[in-house]
Amino acid sequence: MPKLVKAELIELTQDFNAEKSGGQKVQVQFNPETLKLTFANQLVQPEGGDQGRGNAGRQFVGAGTTKLALQLWFDVTAMETDPVDDVRRLTQQVVYFMTPQPSDQAADRLAPPGVRFQWGSFLFDGMVEGLEESIEFFSPEGKPLRANIALTLSQQKILKAEFAGDGRASAGLRPMIGARSGQSLQGMAAMNGKPDWQSVAVANAIEDPLRLPAGRLVDLNARSLDASTLDARGGGRAVLGLEGRFSR
């Protein structure tokens, strides 16, 4: 089973060229459900231009901006290690990225730190433009236990997606094959050079290999588990009985 990758917020140097040595690094408690990207270009009407030309008379100015919006949840009741009594002990690590710091270019000016949002192959370098924290749940003692942070990051360019590798699925991510109407598991397995269809049926928890519903997804590379393992998961004995029941 692939390892779950957690998203992180990483402090960058003020020129956004590298991670800051000894800087803040926060791993999210729960990965966000969605990431919303907004792209915008700066367009202005040229002076003295023909207003009747509409879009054709506009001039592109600047490199544009990209904004990233996401939501992060924090819940102290779900912590399995190093639990805390107040959810703000967790969220203050994110609020840090909103806190202005002296600029490297001018000591009398303040700016929030650079931050990288990293989740697997997705990278976004920018600054925190906005942060909204909602506290959802309190303990009997009045301590906040659950919070939701809406975060908006911004960068002064149009984000270009970069991909590593050739785009093929990683090893261990097995393709699923959909059954056609009236197709049996035996037929699917035979067409793909998998003679041990009984083992495939057990591994995919298929109750009736002779009559697969149209569109049923099957992992033909899966192998059956032993009876003790399946019994521990529940329902294993019923599935294991298929091998004798439907064999020819």
C-alpha atoms as a PDB file:
ATOM      1  CA  MET A   1       0.000   0.000   0.000  1.00  0.00           C
ATOM      2  CA  PRO A   2       1.475   3.411  -0.948  1.00  0.00           C
ATOM      3  CA  LYS A   3       2.586   5.584   1.975  1.00  0.00           C
ATOM      4  CA  LEU A   4       0.362   8.588   2.681  1.00  0.00           C
ATOM      5  CA  VAL A   5       2.224  11.813   1.897  1.00  0.00           C
ATOM      6  CA  LYS A   6       1.362  14.768   4.148  1.00  0.00           C
ATOM      7  CA  ALA A   7       1.354  18.349   2.885  1.00  0.00           C
ATOM      8  CA  GLU A   8       3.845  20.773   4.428  1.00  0.00           C
ATOM      9  CA  LEU A   9       4.346  24.505   4.846  1.00  0.00           C
ATOM     10  CA  ILE A  10       8.050  25.376   4.641  1.00  0.00           C
ATOM     11  CA  GLU A  11       9.626  28.775   5.302  1.00  0.00           C
ATOM     12  CA  LEU A  12      11.705  30.162   2.427  1.00  0.00           C
ATOM     13  CA  THR A  13      14.391  32.804   2.248  1.00  0.00           C
ATOM     14  CA  GLN A  14      13.018  36.230   1.371  1.00  0.00           C
ATOM     15  CA  ASP A  15      14.217  35.922  -2.220  1.00  0.00           C
ATOM     16  CA  PHE A  16      12.246  32.637  -2.527  1.00  0.00           C
ATOM     17  CA  ASN A  17      15.344  30.849  -3.843  1.00  0.00           C
ATOM     18  CA  ALA A  18      15.732  28.218  -1.121  1.00  0.00           C
ATOM     19  CA  GLU A  19      14.391  26.836   2.127  1.00  0.00           C
ATOM     20  CA  LYS A  20      15.441  29.000   5.069  1.00  0.00           C
ATOM     21  CA  SER A  21      18.014  27.325   7.287  1.00  0.00           C
ATOM     22  CA  GLY A  22      16.388  26.719  10.677  1.00  0.00           C
ATOM     23  CA  GLY A  23      13.111  28.163   9.387  1.00  0.00           C
ATOM     24  CA  GLN A  24       9.588  27.159  10.264  1.00  0.00           C
ATOM     25  CA  LYS A  25       8.329  23.851   8.876  1.00  0.00           C
ATOM     26  CA  VAL A  26       4.796  22.620   9.536  1.00  0.00           C
ATOM     27  CA  GLN A  27       3.339  19.282   8.492  1.00  0.00           C
ATOM     28  CA  VAL A  28      -0.450  19.441   8.233  1.00  0.00           C
ATOM     29  CA  GLN A  29      -2.529  17.223  10.493  1.00  0.00           C
ATOM     30  CA  PHE A  30      -5.028  16.402   7.720  1.00  0.00           C
ATOM     31  CA  ASN A  31      -4.396  16.856   4.005  1.00  0.00           C
ATOM     32  CA  PRO A  32      -6.735  19.404   2.378  1.00  0.00           C
ATOM     33  CA  GLU A  33      -9.677  18.092   0.368  1.00  0.00           C
ATOM     34  CA  THR A  34      -9.136  20.519  -2.517  1.00  0.00           C
ATOM     35  CA  LEU A  35      -6.653  23.075  -3.794  1.00  0.00           C
ATOM     36  CA  LYS A  36      -8.021  26.089  -5.682  1.00  0.00           C
ATOM     37  CA  LEU A  37      -5.698  27.910  -8.085  1.00  0.00           C
ATOM     38  CA  THR A  38      -6.606  31.340  -9.460  1.00  0.00           C
ATOM     39  CA  PHE A  39      -4.620  32.851 -12.354  1.00  0.00           C
ATOM     40  CA  ALA A  40      -4.830  36.559 -13.200  1.00  0.00           C
ATOM     41  CA  ASN A  41      -3.154  38.840 -15.726  1.00  0.00           C
ATOM     42  CA  GLN A  42      -3.007  42.624 -15.453  1.00  0.00           C
ATOM     43  CA  LEU A  43      -4.756  44.119 -18.467  1.00  0.00           C
ATOM     44  CA  VAL A  44      -5.255  47.861 -19.042  1.00  0.00           C
ATOM     45  CA  GLN A  45      -6.667  49.947 -21.873  1.00  0.00           C
ATOM     46  CA  PRO A  46      -3.800  51.740 -23.693  1.00  0.00           C
ATOM     47  CA  GLU A  47      -3.905  55.517 -23.485  1.00  0.00           C
ATOM     48  CA  GLY A  48      -5.436  57.131 -26.537  1.00  0.00           C
ATOM     49  CA  GLY A  49      -6.536  53.752 -27.862  1.00  0.00           C
ATOM     50  CA  ASP A  50      -9.695  53.002 -29.762  1.00  0.00           C
ATOM     51  CA  GLN A  51     -12.311  52.122 -27.143  1.00  0.00           C
ATOM     52  CA  GLY A  52     -14.443  50.521 -29.816  1.00  0.00           C
ATOM     53  CA  ARG A  53     -11.848  47.821 -30.410  1.00  0.00           C
ATOM     54  CA  GLY A  54     -12.759  46.107 -27.146  1.00  0.00           C
ATOM     55  CA  ASN A  55     -10.416  43.279 -26.158  1.00  0.00           C
ATOM     56  CA  ALA A  56      -8.207  43.893 -29.191  1.00  0.00           C
ATOM     57  CA  GLY A  57      -7.247  47.278 -27.795  1.00  0.00           C
ATOM     58  CA  ARG A  58      -6.054  46.008 -24.414  1.00  0.00           C
ATOM     59  CA  GLN A  59      -2.412  45.791 -23.514  1.00  0.00           C
ATOM     60  CA  PHE A  60      -0.819  43.152 -21.310  1.00  0.00           C
ATOM     61  CA  VAL A  61       1.075  44.612 -18.354  1.00  0.00           C
ATOM     62  CA  GLY A  62       3.231  42.684 -15.873  1.00  0.00           C
ATOM     63  CA  ALA A  63       3.771  38.968 -15.383  1.00  0.00           C
ATOM     64  CA  GLY A  64       0.431  38.193 -13.726  1.00  0.00           C
ATOM     65  CA  THR A  65      -0.283  36.497 -10.409  1.00  0.00           C
ATOM     66  CA  THR A  66      -1.292  33.074  -9.149  1.00  0.00           C
ATOM     67  CA  LYS A  67      -3.213  32.496  -5.932  1.00  0.00           C
ATOM     68  CA  LEU A  68      -3.638  29.243  -4.039  1.00  0.00           C
ATOM     69  CA  ALA A  69      -6.570  28.776  -1.652  1.00  0.00           C
ATOM     70  CA  LEU A  70      -6.979  25.802   0.683  1.00  0.00           C
ATOM     71  CA  GLN A  71      -8.439  24.755   4.001  1.00  0.00           C
ATOM     72  CA  LEU A  72      -6.612  23.009   6.822  1.00  0.00           C
ATOM     73  CA  TRP A  73      -8.224  21.239   9.773  1.00  0.00           C
ATOM     74  CA  PHE A  74      -6.684  20.781  13.200  1.00  0.00           C
ATOM     75  CA  ASP A  75      -8.183  18.588  15.929  1.00  0.00           C
ATOM     76  CA  VAL A  76      -6.412  17.859  19.216  1.00  0.00           C
ATOM     77  CA  THR A  77      -8.811  14.981  19.976  1.00  0.00           C
ATOM     78  CA  ALA A  78      -7.422  13.126  16.939  1.00  0.00           C
ATOM     79  CA  MET A  79      -3.779  13.385  18.005  1.00  0.00           C
ATOM     80  CA  GLU A  80      -2.171   9.997  18.700  1.00  0.00           C
ATOM     81  CA  THR A  81       1.248  11.316  19.749  1.00  0.00           C
ATOM     82  CA  ASP A  82       2.283  14.404  21.727  1.00  0.00           C
ATOM     83  CA  PRO A  83      -1.302  15.608  22.372  1.00  0.00           C
ATOM     84  CA  VAL A  84      -1.959  19.209  23.398  1.00  0.00           C
ATOM     85  CA  ASP A  85      -4.833  20.787  25.344  1.00  0.00           C
ATOM     86  CA  ASP A  86      -5.550  23.770  23.059  1.00  0.00           C
ATOM     87  CA  VAL A  87      -5.809  23.657  19.264  1.00  0.00           C
ATOM     88  CA  ARG A  88      -4.237  27.118  19.023  1.00  0.00           C
ATOM     89  CA  ARG A  89      -0.931  25.526  19.995  1.00  0.00           C
ATOM     90  CA  LEU A  90      -1.116  23.883  16.562  1.00  0.00           C
ATOM     91  CA  THR A  91      -2.617  26.687  14.494  1.00  0.00           C
ATOM     92  CA  GLN A  92      -0.131  29.286  15.733  1.00  0.00           C
ATOM     93  CA  GLN A  93       2.504  27.447  13.716  1.00  0.00           C
ATOM     94  CA  VAL A  94       0.556  28.382  10.572  1.00  0.00           C
ATOM     95  CA  VAL A  95      -0.231  31.926  11.757  1.00  0.00           C
ATOM     96  CA  TYR A  96       3.549  32.394  11.938  1.00  0.00           C
ATOM     97  CA  PHE A  97       3.599  32.671   8.141  1.00  0.00           C
ATOM     98  CA  MET A  98       1.374  35.769   8.425  1.00  0.00           C
ATOM     99  CA  THR A  99       3.661  37.478  10.943  1.00  0.00           C
ATOM    100  CA  PRO A 100       5.666  40.365   9.382  1.00  0.00           C
ATOM    101  CA  GLN A 101       9.433  40.212   9.710  1.00  0.00           C
ATOM    102  CA  PRO A 102      12.195  42.766   8.986  1.00  0.00           C
ATOM    103  CA  SER A 103      13.087  42.819   5.311  1.00  0.00           C
ATOM    104  CA  ASP A 104      16.565  41.781   4.203  1.00  0.00           C
ATOM    105  CA  GLN A 105      16.578  44.683   1.733  1.00  0.00           C
ATOM    106  CA  ALA A 106      15.416  47.379   4.178  1.00  0.00           C
ATOM    107  CA  ALA A 107      15.510  46.945   7.952  1.00  0.00           C
ATOM    108  CA  ASP A 108      12.792  49.587   8.435  1.00  0.00           C
ATOM    109  CA  ARG A 109      10.305  47.620   6.328  1.00  0.00           C
ATOM    110  CA  LEU A 110       8.328  44.537   7.285  1.00  0.00           C
ATOM    111  CA  ALA A 111       7.081  41.667   5.157  1.00  0.00           C
ATOM    112  CA  PRO A 112       5.658  38.212   5.872  1.00  0.00           C
ATOM    113  CA  PRO A 113       8.081  35.328   5.330  1.00  0.00           C
ATOM    114  CA  GLY A 114       8.230  33.407   2.092  1.00  0.00           C
ATOM    115  CA  VAL A 115       6.479  30.055   2.264  1.00  0.00           C
ATOM    116  CA  ARG A 116       6.366  26.905   0.178  1.00  0.00           C
ATOM    117  CA  PHE A 117       3.274  24.711   0.164  1.00  0.00           C
ATOM    118  CA  GLN A 118       4.441  21.236  -0.795  1.00  0.00           C
ATOM    119  CA  TRP A 119       2.262  18.182  -1.246  1.00  0.00           C
ATOM    120  CA  GLY A 120       3.962  15.381  -3.114  1.00  0.00           C
ATOM    121  CA  SER A 121       4.794  16.716  -6.581  1.00  0.00           C
ATOM    122  CA  PHE A 122       2.752  19.922  -6.081  1.00  0.00           C
ATOM    123  CA  LEU A 123       4.838  22.976  -5.143  1.00  0.00           C
ATOM    124  CA  PHE A 124       3.701  26.564  -4.626  1.00  0.00           C
ATOM    125  CA  ASP A 125       6.153  29.277  -3.506  1.00  0.00           C
ATOM    126  CA  GLY A 126       4.742  32.615  -2.401  1.00  0.00           C
ATOM    127  CA  MET A 127       3.538  34.622   0.559  1.00  0.00           C
ATOM    128  CA  VAL A 128       0.478  34.265   2.763  1.00  0.00           C
ATOM    129  CA  GLU A 129      -2.009  36.881   1.601  1.00  0.00           C
ATOM    130  CA  GLY A 130      -4.876  35.988   3.878  1.00  0.00           C
ATOM    131  CA  LEU A 131      -5.703  33.669   6.778  1.00  0.00           C
ATOM    132  CA  GLU A 132      -9.016  33.028   8.499  1.00  0.00           C
ATOM    133  CA  GLU A 133      -9.252  30.767  11.541  1.00  0.00           C
ATOM    134  CA  SER A 134     -12.554  29.318  12.774  1.00  0.00           C
ATOM    135  CA  ILE A 135     -12.744  27.506  16.109  1.00  0.00           C
ATOM    136  CA  GLU A 136     -15.309  24.704  15.933  1.00  0.00           C
ATOM    137  CA  PHE A 137     -15.317  22.825  19.245  1.00  0.00           C
ATOM    138  CA  PHE A 138     -14.612  23.570  22.922  1.00  0.00           C
ATOM    139  CA  SER A 139     -13.807  21.406  25.926  1.00  0.00           C
ATOM    140  CA  PRO A 140     -15.884  21.619  29.144  1.00  0.00           C
ATOM    141  CA  GLU A 141     -13.083  23.849  30.482  1.00  0.00           C
ATOM    142  CA  GLY A 142     -13.589  26.275  27.585  1.00  0.00           C
ATOM    143  CA  LYS A 143     -10.437  25.336  25.666  1.00  0.00           C
ATOM    144  CA  PRO A 144     -10.722  25.226  21.852  1.00  0.00           C
ATOM    145  CA  LEU A 145     -10.092  21.720  20.530  1.00  0.00           C
ATOM    146  CA  ARG A 146     -10.827  21.937  16.801  1.00  0.00           C
ATOM    147  CA  ALA A 147     -10.086  24.649  14.248  1.00  0.00           C
ATOM    148  CA  ASN A 148     -10.372  25.291  10.531  1.00  0.00           C
ATOM    149  CA  ILE A 149      -7.898  27.582   8.744  1.00  0.00           C
ATOM    150  CA  ALA A 150      -8.709  29.077   5.340  1.00  0.00           C
ATOM    151  CA  LEU A 151      -5.374  30.012   3.772  1.00  0.00           C
ATOM    152  CA  THR A 152      -4.614  32.077   0.680  1.00  0.00           C
ATOM    153  CA  LEU A 153      -1.111  32.211  -0.797  1.00  0.00           C
ATOM    154  CA  SER A 154      -0.002  34.458  -3.642  1.00  0.00           C
ATOM    155  CA  GLN A 155       2.955  34.579  -6.027  1.00  0.00           C
ATOM    156  CA  GLN A 156       3.829  37.270  -8.564  1.00  0.00           C
ATOM    157  CA  LYS A 157       3.862  35.047 -11.630  1.00  0.00           C
ATOM    158  CA  ILE A 158       1.740  32.534 -13.470  1.00  0.00           C
ATOM    159  CA  LEU A 159       2.422  29.137 -11.901  1.00  0.00           C
ATOM    160  CA  LYS A 160       3.868  26.641 -14.333  1.00  0.00           C
ATOM    161  CA  ALA A 161       3.282  22.984 -13.501  1.00  0.00           C
ATOM    162  CA  GLU A 162       6.444  20.904 -13.526  1.00  0.00           C
ATOM    163  CA  PHE A 163       6.457  17.119 -13.587  1.00  0.00           C
ATOM    164  CA  ALA A 164       9.189  14.605 -12.816  1.00  0.00           C
ATOM    165  CA  GLY A 165       9.568  11.404 -14.811  1.00  0.00           C
ATOM    166  CA  ASP A 166       7.717  10.347 -17.957  1.00  0.00           C
ATOM    167  CA  GLY A 167       4.200  10.547 -16.547  1.00  0.00           C
ATOM    168  CA  ARG A 168       3.699   6.805 -16.157  1.00  0.00           C
ATOM    169  CA  ALA A 169       2.151   5.414 -13.000  1.00  0.00           C
ATOM    170  CA  SER A 170       4.564   4.554 -10.207  1.00  0.00           C
ATOM    171  CA  ALA A 171       5.423   0.946  -9.457  1.00  0.00           C
ATOM    172  CA  GLY A 172       2.838  -0.598  -7.183  1.00  0.00           C
ATOM    173  CA  LEU A 173      -0.124   1.382  -8.581  1.00  0.00           C
ATOM    174  CA  ARG A 174      -1.936  -1.397 -10.411  1.00  0.00           C
ATOM    175  CA  PRO A 175      -4.425  -0.645 -13.200  1.00  0.00           C
ATOM    176  CA  MET A 176      -8.031  -1.758 -12.760  1.00  0.00           C
ATOM    177  CA  ILE A 177      -9.967  -3.308 -15.644  1.00  0.00           C
ATOM    178  CA  GLY A 178     -13.712  -2.789 -16.038  1.00  0.00           C
ATOM    179  CA  ALA A 179     -15.958  -5.749 -16.862  1.00  0.00           C
ATOM    180  CA  ARG A 180     -18.157  -5.619 -19.970  1.00  0.00           C
ATOM    181  CA  SER A 181     -21.835  -6.524 -19.868  1.00  0.00           C
ATOM    182  CA  GLY A 182     -22.253 -10.290 -19.485  1.00  0.00           C
ATOM    183  CA  GLN A 183     -18.539 -10.904 -18.985  1.00  0.00           C
ATOM    184  CA  SER A 184     -17.297 -13.440 -16.425  1.00  0.00           C
ATOM    185  CA  LEU A 185     -14.193 -13.203 -14.320  1.00  0.00           C
ATOM    186  CA  GLN A 186     -12.887 -16.366 -15.956  1.00  0.00           C
ATOM    187  CA  GLY A 187     -13.136 -14.700 -19.352  1.00  0.00           C
ATOM    188  CA  MET A 188     -11.435 -11.512 -18.174  1.00  0.00           C
ATOM    189  CA  ALA A 189      -8.605 -13.478 -16.574  1.00  0.00           C
ATOM    190  CA  ALA A 190      -8.109 -15.693 -19.658  1.00  0.00           C
ATOM    191  CA  MET A 191      -7.954 -12.683 -21.999  1.00  0.00           C
ATOM    192  CA  ASN A 192      -5.201 -11.171 -19.848  1.00  0.00           C
ATOM    193  CA  GLY A 193      -3.162 -14.343 -19.340  1.00  0.00           C
ATOM    194  CA  LYS A 194      -4.238 -14.927 -15.726  1.00  0.00           C
ATOM    195  CA  PRO A 195      -5.216 -18.615 -15.394  1.00  0.00           C
ATOM    196  CA  ASP A 196      -5.726 -18.499 -11.597  1.00  0.00           C
ATOM    197  CA  TRP A 197      -9.063 -16.682 -11.725  1.00  0.00           C
ATOM    198  CA  GLN A 198     -10.154 -18.192  -8.376  1.00  0.00           C
ATOM    199  CA  SER A 199      -7.312 -16.398  -6.596  1.00  0.00           C
ATOM    200  CA  VAL A 200      -8.235 -13.134  -8.366  1.00  0.00           C
ATOM    201  CA  ALA A 201     -11.869 -13.561  -7.246  1.00  0.00           C
ATOM    202  CA  VAL A 202     -10.822 -13.983  -3.622  1.00  0.00           C
ATOM    203  CA  ALA A 203      -8.430 -11.017  -3.699  1.00  0.00           C
ATOM    204  CA  ASN A 204     -11.103  -8.732  -5.223  1.00  0.00           C
ATOM    205  CA  ALA A 205     -13.897 -10.011  -2.925  1.00  0.00           C
ATOM    206  CA  ILE A 206     -16.031 -11.003  -5.941  1.00  0.00           C
ATOM    207  CA  GLU A 207     -19.055 -13.031  -4.805  1.00  0.00           C
ATOM    208  CA  ASP A 208     -20.164 -14.296  -8.241  1.00  0.00           C
ATOM    209  CA  PRO A 209     -17.290 -14.632 -10.756  1.00  0.00           C
ATOM    210  CA  LEU A 210     -19.668 -16.011 -13.415  1.00  0.00           C
ATOM    211  CA  ARG A 211     -21.820 -12.882 -13.586  1.00  0.00           C
ATOM    212  CA  LEU A 212     -19.935  -9.618 -13.162  1.00  0.00           C
ATOM    213  CA  PRO A 213     -21.882  -6.355 -13.207  1.00  0.00           C
ATOM    214  CA  ALA A 214     -21.023  -4.150 -16.189  1.00  0.00           C
ATOM    215  CA  GLY A 215     -18.276  -1.726 -15.219  1.00  0.00           C
ATOM    216  CA  ARG A 216     -17.108  -3.743 -12.187  1.00  0.00           C
ATOM    217  CA  LEU A 217     -13.425  -2.845 -11.660  1.00  0.00           C
ATOM    218  CA  VAL A 218     -11.076  -5.783 -11.159  1.00  0.00           C
ATOM    219  CA  ASP A 219      -7.385  -5.900 -10.251  1.00  0.00           C
ATOM    220  CA  LEU A 220      -6.216  -8.924 -12.217  1.00  0.00           C
ATOM    221  CA  ASN A 221      -2.744  -8.687 -10.660  1.00  0.00           C
ATOM    222  CA  ALA A 222      -4.068  -9.126  -7.132  1.00  0.00           C
ATOM    223  CA  ARG A 223      -3.336 -12.363  -5.293  1.00  0.00           C
ATOM    224  CA  SER A 224      -5.557 -14.045  -2.738  1.00  0.00           C
ATOM    225  CA  LEU A 225      -4.734 -13.817   0.964  1.00  0.00           C
ATOM    226  CA  ASP A 226      -4.781 -16.724   3.364  1.00  0.00           C
ATOM    227  CA  ALA A 227      -7.950 -17.556   5.238  1.00  0.00           C
ATOM    228  CA  SER A 228      -6.766 -16.256   8.618  1.00  0.00           C
ATOM    229  CA  THR A 229      -5.976 -12.829   7.168  1.00  0.00           C
ATOM    230  CA  LEU A 230      -9.350 -12.562   5.440  1.00  0.00           C
ATOM    231  CA  ASP A 231     -11.224 -13.730   8.544  1.00  0.00           C
ATOM    232  CA  ALA A 232      -9.539 -10.972  10.557  1.00  0.00           C
ATOM    233  CA  ARG A 233     -10.887  -8.415   8.068  1.00  0.00           C
ATOM    234  CA  GLY A 234     -14.374  -9.901   8.179  1.00  0.00           C
ATOM    235  CA  GLY A 235     -16.271 -11.981   5.650  1.00  0.00           C
ATOM    236  CA  GLY A 236     -13.265 -14.019   4.627  1.00  0.00           C
ATOM    237  CA  ARG A 237     -14.822 -17.482   4.918  1.00  0.00           C
ATOM    238  CA  ALA A 238     -17.668 -16.645   2.540  1.00  0.00           C
ATOM    239  CA  VAL A 239     -15.272 -15.358  -0.093  1.00  0.00           C
ATOM    240  CA  LEU A 240     -12.847 -18.264   0.248  1.00  0.00           C
ATOM    241  CA  GLY A 241     -15.710 -20.668  -0.421  1.00  0.00           C
ATOM    242  CA  LEU A 242     -15.929 -19.344  -3.982  1.00  0.00           C
ATOM    243  CA  GLU A 243     -12.940 -21.360  -5.181  1.00  0.00           C
ATOM    244  CA  GLY A 244     -14.681 -24.669  -4.733  1.00  0.00           C
ATOM    245  CA  ARG A 245     -18.157 -23.416  -5.538  1.00  0.00           C
ATOM    246  CA  PHE A 246     -17.409 -21.994  -8.969  1.00  0.00           C
ATOM    247  CA  SER A 247     -14.454 -24.122 -10.086  1.00  0.00           C
ATOM    248  CA  ARG A 248     -14.899 -26.318 -13.146  1.00  0.00           C
END
